[in-house]
Amino acid sequence: MNIKRFCPRGHDKLAVGKTSWNLCKLCNSDRMRAWRKQNPFYVKRGIQNCGFRQAGIKNADGTPFTNVDYDRAYQVQQGRCKGCDRHQSELSRRLDADHDHKTGLFRFLLCANCNRVLGYGKDSPERLRHLADLLEGWEHVMNRPGKGER
């Protein structure tokens, strides 16, 4: 026999769906909205650390990377990109927390361009050195006598 059950506020649990709190989804949504309104500090902290958590960035000791760790690295690097040495004030967005994709360990703070170069280079020093050699070779070709200046 199929008996319909209703939540305390009259919503049909079977039609709406049940959550782990034994509430219907509508009531659970209201509960979460009220909690977020009462706890803005925890909500803000969770949102701020969410990107690091989703990327799987960890400290050397294996603990999750947080905004506190970001601030510490920012102070150590004096607000400068580890790759190009540009200061945060010269950039349009904040420095990225670069990490090893194999281990998830945080390495340093980079600007978006430097971080993309490492990403597109697949974190391969050989590939990046080869590309640097190509660029330096091209400079020699362009600066030969008889060639126009760029």
Foldseek 3Di string as FASTA:
>chain_A
DDDFDAFPVGHTCVVQHADPVRGGPVVVVVVVVVVCVVCVPVVVQCVQLVVQVVLLAAEPVRHGDGVVNVVVLCVVLVQAAPPPRDHQVVDPDGWDQDADSVVNYTDHTHHPVVNVVCVVQVVDPVSVVVVVVVVVVVVCVCPDPPHDHD
